[in-house]
């Protein structure tokens, strides 16, 4: 992260500032539909797209802000071991993506929805596997009372928000999948390999907060 940005960050940070940046991004139409298809023209996801939402939980520690992630069990049939934000399918009783994100976060981590202050949304993210994901940004005050759901969550961990706002930590990688070379974002943190849709959503979050 550049020195000038680091100085501005320390001076201006706060939940109102985040909310205003997200609102500015929306007004500037930077919250439009995004996804892996943008990196891989000609590759389309499964249709019809299923509505889903995730919560990007910002933990408001006094010594610095962190993001909270979940890691899926290795025993799952799909996305085994992958790192993600709490989230899932929108259910018929969910009136809005915010309700889905908060409900799923409570089910997966134990963080109660009433303990999350919603700050805004990012643009919808389209995944190759056929989901239309709405990322919702929320602020959580520590101490966290975690109670992970063992079926869906093997681990819950935090990482500094600054790390993901530093473009030096944003990687664009390639690998062959189903006979085609595909590009994808990755943001490895220590021994945690964050990639795919989660890294793509993190890049969009960076874009909404940092870009003018």
Foldseek 3Di string as FASTA:
>chain_A
DDPVVVVVCVVDDDLQLLLVLLVVCVVVVLQAEAEQCVQPPPQAADPDAFEKEAEFEWEDDPVAIKTKWFFFDQPDPPNHGAIAGQMDGDDPPDPDNLSRHQVRCCQAWVAHSVQKAWRAWGHWYAYNHRYTYIYTYTYGYDPGDTDGDNNTGPDMDIDGLVLLLDCVQWDWDWDDDPRDIGIWIWRDDVPHTHIHPRNVVSVRSSCSNPPD
